[in-house]
Amino acid sequence: MNNLRKLTLDECAPIVPYLLEGVSFRLTHLDLLIPSQASYPVSQFLSSQPTIEELLIICQSNDLSALSPDALPSLRNLSAPLTLLPTLLAFRLPHIARLSILGVMTHSDELIILSLLLALFNPPESLMLVVKVRVGANAITIADISRGLSILGEGAPFITLLALAKYGDQIGQDELQDMFIYALPHFPNLKQLNLMSRPMPQGADTRNPQVEPVRTPSGILSLLYNALAYLYSMLVNTPILFYFFSSRHAQQIGDDQTQNQPNPNLDPFYDRSCHQQIIMAWRQVHPKLEFVVFPGGKYKVKSRGSS
């Protein structure tokens, strides 16, 4: 198997040791998914693969505890749950071009934690970021998403492309428009916004069952998340910082603009009749925005609107 370049190991923890020990190939693409009930220290194997450019990984955080700072020097495309980012982004964030967060976020503090993690390490020149959020009464509100995205933009000003997949409840045109009106000015280098909307089946588990829950980390990660939670609490308790992005303020503005919604029964992610109006509003607050992608098409943003 000397010529092997791409490898996928999915839910096969019992045979992982036999596959990863004593290998002679050099991978450029690795998908590694170890079930939550299993554990295998993959640090040594990852450290022996300096040519990996694309990595999708789900495992226990302890499995990466011995990962060398010099490991994965060629990594450009990373897909991983939030709990693995402290280890994987350290020493590697400057070289990563695309980061996809695995699992659907159901709490606004997850966006805050992501922002703090991206701000902890040396930044890349640019970054494409993919996140998934669930909207609903028992998940994240529109105002919280807007507030979380605003902090994310402040913590990671190097984001040039943001892909947001919405799960859960349908939202209205004004809610979608206002959510980014307040968030976009905090992404100074954002050039492209990709939006997706997917219904969440009732009773579905919003997280990948193999991903460690953010609220129950252990060991060193527990200390890290406690520190991040403390910083988050300081931000939340700063009225001056959050007044403009408060839920009350966002709701008031949304109520004032409900008369302008042309198709209240249609999903604005798919309703092309409202896309131009939405994009024009976003362009006014973020002149550097060049492209907006909805599920139905890609729009090139012009100085006076979109095409």
Protein backbone atom coordinates (compact mmCIF):
# COMPACT_ATOMS: atom_id res chain seq x y z
CA MET A 1 0.00 0.00 0.00
CA ASN A 2 2.89 2.36 -0.61
CA ASN A 3 0.85 4.37 -3.13
CA LEU A 4 -2.15 4.90 -0.84
CA ARG A 5 -3.04 8.60 -0.61
CA LYS A 6 -6.62 8.65 0.75
CA LEU A 7 -7.87 6.58 3.68
CA THR A 8 -11.25 6.41 5.43
CA LEU A 9 -11.63 4.58 8.75
CA ASP A 10 -15.25 4.74 9.91
CA GLU A 11 -16.39 3.17 13.20
CA CYS A 12 -13.75 0.48 13.09
CA ALA A 13 -11.86 1.14 16.32
CA PRO A 14 -11.11 -2.55 17.02
CA ILE A 15 -9.02 -2.82 13.86
CA VAL A 16 -7.54 0.67 13.87
CA PRO A 17 -4.35 -0.37 15.72
CA TYR A 18 -3.60 -3.08 13.18
CA LEU A 19 -4.15 -0.70 10.26
CA LEU A 20 -2.16 2.20 11.64
CA GLU A 21 0.87 0.43 13.07
CA GLY A 22 3.93 0.09 10.89
CA VAL A 23 2.44 1.71 7.78
CA SER A 24 4.71 2.96 5.01
CA PHE A 25 2.30 5.04 2.94
CA ARG A 26 2.03 8.83 2.96
CA LEU A 27 -1.53 10.11 3.02
CA THR A 28 -2.86 13.41 1.71
CA HIS A 29 -6.47 12.79 2.80
CA LEU A 30 -7.64 11.04 5.99
CA ASP A 31 -11.15 10.48 7.37
CA LEU A 32 -10.88 8.98 10.85
CA LEU A 33 -14.02 8.32 12.90
CA ILE A 34 -13.59 6.43 16.16
CA PRO A 35 -16.82 5.62 18.05
CA SER A 36 -17.38 7.40 21.35
CA GLN A 37 -17.34 4.13 23.26
CA ALA A 38 -13.86 3.35 21.95
CA SER A 39 -10.53 5.07 22.24
CA TYR A 40 -7.23 4.80 20.43
CA PRO A 41 -4.24 7.15 20.68
CA VAL A 42 -3.86 8.35 17.10
CA SER A 43 -1.29 11.04 17.89
CA GLN A 44 1.66 8.90 16.84
CA PHE A 45 0.06 7.98 13.54
CA LEU A 46 -0.87 11.58 12.72
CA SER A 47 2.65 12.69 13.59
CA SER A 48 3.98 10.14 11.09
CA GLN A 49 1.88 11.61 8.26
CA PRO A 50 3.37 15.03 7.42
CA THR A 51 1.75 15.02 3.97
CA ILE A 52 -1.89 15.07 5.15
CA GLU A 53 -3.61 18.09 3.61
CA GLU A 54 -7.23 17.22 4.36
CA LEU A 55 -8.35 15.73 7.67
CA LEU A 56 -11.78 14.77 8.96
CA ILE A 57 -11.54 13.41 12.48
CA ILE A 58 -13.91 12.40 15.26
CA CYS A 59 -12.41 10.84 18.37
CA GLN A 60 -11.97 11.39 22.08
CA SER A 61 -9.95 14.47 23.01
CA ASN A 62 -7.57 12.25 24.99
CA ASP A 63 -6.72 10.38 21.79
CA LEU A 64 -4.87 13.52 20.63
CA SER A 65 -3.23 14.39 23.94
CA ALA A 66 0.23 13.41 22.69
CA LEU A 67 0.01 15.14 19.32
CA SER A 68 3.32 16.81 18.54
CA PRO A 69 3.36 20.56 17.81
CA ASP A 70 5.19 19.71 14.59
CA ALA A 71 2.55 17.24 13.42
CA LEU A 72 0.40 17.85 10.33
CA PRO A 73 2.51 20.65 8.81
CA SER A 74 0.69 20.34 5.46
CA LEU A 75 -2.84 20.47 6.87
CA ARG A 76 -5.04 22.87 4.89
CA ASN A 77 -8.58 21.49 5.26
CA LEU A 78 -9.81 20.45 8.71
CA SER A 79 -13.19 19.01 9.74
CA ALA A 80 -13.52 18.34 13.47
CA PRO A 81 -15.85 18.84 16.43
CA LEU A 82 -15.40 21.82 18.70
CA THR A 83 -13.84 19.73 21.48
CA LEU A 84 -10.83 18.78 19.34
CA LEU A 85 -10.00 22.28 18.14
CA PRO A 86 -7.76 23.35 21.07
CA THR A 87 -5.32 20.58 20.15
CA LEU A 88 -5.69 20.64 16.38
CA LEU A 89 -5.58 24.41 15.87
CA ALA A 90 -2.57 25.00 18.09
CA PHE A 91 0.50 25.50 15.87
CA ARG A 92 -1.60 24.66 12.78
CA LEU A 93 -4.19 27.43 12.43
CA PRO A 94 -1.84 29.68 10.37
CA HIS A 95 -1.73 27.03 7.63
CA ILE A 96 -5.42 26.05 7.59
CA ALA A 97 -7.49 27.44 4.72
CA ARG A 98 -10.82 25.72 5.44
CA LEU A 99 -12.31 24.78 8.81
CA SER A 100 -15.57 22.85 9.15
CA ILE A 101 -17.09 22.42 12.60
CA LEU A 102 -18.70 18.99 12.91
CA GLY A 103 -21.98 18.72 14.78
CA VAL A 104 -24.95 21.09 14.90
CA MET A 105 -24.62 23.89 17.44
CA THR A 106 -27.61 24.15 19.77
CA HIS A 107 -26.26 26.70 22.26
CA SER A 108 -25.10 30.23 21.55
CA ASP A 109 -22.05 29.81 23.78
CA GLU A 110 -20.62 27.38 21.23
CA LEU A 111 -20.18 30.26 18.78
CA ILE A 112 -18.51 32.26 21.53
CA ILE A 113 -16.14 29.40 22.35
CA LEU A 114 -15.29 29.02 18.66
CA SER A 115 -14.50 32.73 18.47
CA LEU A 116 -12.21 32.54 21.50
CA LEU A 117 -10.43 29.46 20.15
CA LEU A 118 -9.75 31.16 16.82
CA ALA A 119 -8.45 34.21 18.65
CA LEU A 120 -6.08 32.19 20.87
CA PHE A 121 -3.67 31.10 18.14
CA ASN A 122 -1.67 32.78 15.40
CA PRO A 123 -4.10 33.66 12.62
CA PRO A 124 -4.06 32.51 8.99
CA GLU A 125 -4.09 35.00 6.14
CA SER A 126 -7.63 33.93 5.29
CA LEU A 127 -10.08 31.24 6.37
CA MET A 128 -13.19 29.56 4.98
CA LEU A 129 -15.40 28.59 7.93
CA VAL A 130 -18.35 26.17 7.92
CA VAL A 131 -20.74 26.01 10.88
CA LYS A 132 -24.18 24.50 11.52
CA VAL A 133 -26.73 25.90 13.95
CA ARG A 134 -30.16 24.81 15.10
CA VAL A 135 -32.87 27.46 15.45
CA GLY A 136 -35.79 26.86 17.80
CA ALA A 137 -37.35 27.39 21.20
CA ASN A 138 -35.06 24.77 22.73
CA ALA A 139 -32.03 25.73 20.68
CA ILE A 140 -30.57 29.07 19.54
CA THR A 141 -32.65 32.19 18.96
CA ILE A 142 -32.08 34.44 15.97
CA ALA A 143 -30.83 37.22 18.24
CA ASP A 144 -28.33 34.86 19.88
CA ILE A 145 -27.05 33.70 16.49
CA SER A 146 -26.57 37.30 15.41
CA ARG A 147 -24.80 38.13 18.65
CA GLY A 148 -22.64 35.00 18.46
CA LEU A 149 -21.68 35.67 14.85
CA SER A 150 -20.78 39.25 15.73
CA ILE A 151 -18.35 38.05 18.39
CA LEU A 152 -17.04 35.39 16.01
CA GLY A 153 -16.24 38.05 13.43
CA GLU A 154 -14.44 40.15 16.02
CA GLY A 155 -12.38 37.19 17.19
CA ALA A 156 -11.59 35.93 13.69
CA PRO A 157 -11.34 38.94 11.35
CA PHE A 158 -9.44 36.76 8.86
CA ILE A 159 -12.61 34.89 7.82
CA THR A 160 -13.16 35.52 4.10
CA LEU A 161 -15.89 32.94 3.48
CA LEU A 162 -18.59 31.98 5.96
CA ALA A 163 -20.90 29.02 5.28
CA LEU A 164 -23.84 28.79 7.66
CA ALA A 165 -26.24 25.85 7.60
CA LYS A 166 -29.49 26.43 9.51
CA TYR A 167 -31.42 23.52 10.97
CA GLY A 168 -34.68 23.49 12.89
CA ASP A 169 -37.46 26.08 12.75
CA GLN A 170 -38.17 28.16 9.67
CA ILE A 171 -37.36 31.85 10.00
CA GLY A 172 -38.85 34.83 8.22
CA GLN A 173 -37.27 37.16 5.69
CA ASP A 174 -36.85 39.97 8.20
CA GLU A 175 -35.28 37.65 10.74
CA LEU A 176 -32.74 36.40 8.21
CA GLN A 177 -32.04 39.90 6.95
CA ASP A 178 -31.64 41.44 10.41
CA MET A 179 -29.52 38.56 11.69
CA PHE A 180 -26.74 39.44 9.27
CA ILE A 181 -27.29 43.21 9.24
CA TYR A 182 -25.91 43.26 12.78
CA ALA A 183 -23.33 40.51 12.27
CA LEU A 184 -21.75 41.37 8.91
CA PRO A 185 -20.04 44.64 9.99
CA HIS A 186 -17.97 42.55 12.40
CA PHE A 187 -16.44 40.48 9.56
CA PRO A 188 -14.09 43.07 8.02
CA ASN A 189 -12.64 40.73 5.38
CA LEU A 190 -15.67 38.60 4.53
CA LYS A 191 -16.16 38.33 0.77
CA GLN A 192 -18.59 35.43 0.42
CA LEU A 193 -21.55 34.26 2.48
CA ASN A 194 -22.98 30.78 1.83
CA LEU A 195 -26.37 29.99 3.35
CA MET A 196 -28.15 26.65 3.65
CA SER A 197 -31.43 25.73 5.32
CA ARG A 198 -32.31 22.19 6.26
CA PRO A 199 -35.32 21.04 8.31
CA MET A 200 -34.51 19.14 11.48
CA PRO A 201 -36.57 15.94 11.84
CA GLN A 202 -38.58 15.93 15.05
CA GLY A 203 -36.73 14.10 17.80
CA ALA A 204 -33.50 13.96 15.81
CA ASP A 205 -30.17 14.10 17.60
CA THR A 206 -28.57 17.36 16.52
CA ARG A 207 -25.05 16.18 17.26
CA ASN A 208 -22.99 13.49 15.71
CA PRO A 209 -23.34 10.69 18.31
CA GLN A 210 -19.58 10.19 18.24
CA VAL A 211 -18.75 13.79 19.10
CA GLU A 212 -17.94 14.59 22.71
CA PRO A 213 -20.45 17.06 24.18
CA VAL A 214 -18.99 20.52 24.66
CA ARG A 215 -20.46 20.77 28.13
CA THR A 216 -18.67 17.70 29.49
CA PRO A 217 -14.96 17.94 28.60
CA SER A 218 -12.32 16.35 30.79
CA GLY A 219 -8.75 16.87 31.89
CA ILE A 220 -6.91 19.78 30.30
CA LEU A 221 -9.88 20.61 28.08
CA SER A 222 -11.99 21.11 31.19
CA LEU A 223 -9.60 23.81 32.39
CA LEU A 224 -9.61 25.42 28.97
CA TYR A 225 -13.38 25.50 28.69
CA ASN A 226 -13.71 26.83 32.23
CA ALA A 227 -11.43 29.69 31.22
CA LEU A 228 -13.38 30.29 28.04
CA ALA A 229 -16.64 30.18 29.95
CA TYR A 230 -15.27 32.77 32.37
CA LEU A 231 -14.29 35.07 29.52
CA TYR A 232 -17.69 34.56 27.95
CA SER A 233 -19.45 35.45 31.21
CA MET A 234 -17.44 38.67 31.35
CA LEU A 235 -18.54 39.56 27.83
CA VAL A 236 -22.17 38.72 28.52
CA ASN A 237 -22.17 40.87 31.65
CA THR A 238 -20.82 43.91 29.80
CA PRO A 239 -23.97 45.91 28.97
CA ILE A 240 -22.18 48.48 26.81
CA LEU A 241 -20.77 45.81 24.52
CA PHE A 242 -23.98 43.86 24.13
CA TYR A 243 -26.66 46.55 24.20
CA PHE A 244 -26.81 47.00 20.46
CA PHE A 245 -26.93 43.24 19.89
CA SER A 246 -29.34 42.41 22.68
CA SER A 247 -32.34 40.19 22.02
CA ARG A 248 -34.69 43.00 22.98
CA HIS A 249 -33.11 45.41 20.53
CA ALA A 250 -33.07 42.88 17.70
CA GLN A 251 -36.71 41.93 18.35
CA GLN A 252 -37.80 45.57 18.33
CA ILE A 253 -36.18 46.23 14.96
CA GLY A 254 -37.63 43.03 13.54
CA ASP A 255 -41.14 44.04 14.66
CA ASP A 256 -40.80 47.40 12.95
CA GLN A 257 -40.02 45.77 9.60
CA THR A 258 -42.54 42.90 9.50
CA GLN A 259 -44.75 44.87 7.11
CA ASN A 260 -42.07 44.55 4.40
CA GLN A 261 -42.10 40.76 4.26
CA PRO A 262 -43.56 39.82 0.84
CA ASN A 263 -43.89 36.06 1.28
CA PRO A 264 -44.41 35.21 4.96
CA ASN A 265 -45.17 31.54 4.24
CA LEU A 266 -42.05 30.88 2.19
CA ASP A 267 -38.59 30.01 3.43
CA PRO A 268 -36.42 33.04 2.58
CA PHE A 269 -33.47 30.73 1.96
CA TYR A 270 -35.37 29.36 -1.06
CA ASP A 271 -37.64 32.32 -1.95
CA ARG A 272 -35.79 34.05 -4.78
CA SER A 273 -38.26 36.94 -4.84
CA CYS A 274 -36.78 38.32 -1.61
CA HIS A 275 -33.10 37.63 -2.23
CA GLN A 276 -32.29 40.89 -3.97
CA GLN A 277 -33.85 42.96 -1.18
CA ILE A 278 -31.95 41.00 1.46
CA ILE A 279 -28.63 41.25 -0.36
CA MET A 280 -29.02 44.98 -0.94
CA ALA A 281 -29.58 45.49 2.80
CA TRP A 282 -26.49 43.44 3.60
CA ARG A 283 -24.42 45.29 1.04
CA GLN A 284 -25.25 48.60 2.71
CA VAL A 285 -23.68 47.49 5.99
CA HIS A 286 -20.84 45.47 4.44
CA PRO A 287 -19.56 46.98 1.16
CA LYS A 288 -16.81 44.35 0.81
CA LEU A 289 -19.30 41.51 0.37
CA GLU A 290 -18.88 40.10 -3.14
CA PHE A 291 -20.94 36.90 -3.30
CA VAL A 292 -23.99 35.51 -1.51
CA VAL A 293 -24.99 31.90 -2.08
CA PHE A 294 -28.51 30.68 -1.30
CA PRO A 295 -29.68 27.08 -1.86
CA GLY A 296 -31.20 28.16 -5.16
CA GLY A 297 -28.35 30.15 -6.65
CA LYS A 298 -25.26 32.31 -6.33
CA TYR A 299 -25.47 36.10 -6.46
CA LYS A 300 -22.66 38.46 -7.37
CA VAL A 301 -23.07 41.57 -5.27
CA LYS A 302 -22.77 44.88 -7.08
CA SER A 303 -22.39 48.36 -5.66
CA ARG A 304 -26.10 49.04 -6.00
CA GLY A 305 -27.53 45.61 -5.45
CA SER A 306 -27.04 42.14 -6.82
CA SER A 307 -27.26 40.21 -10.05
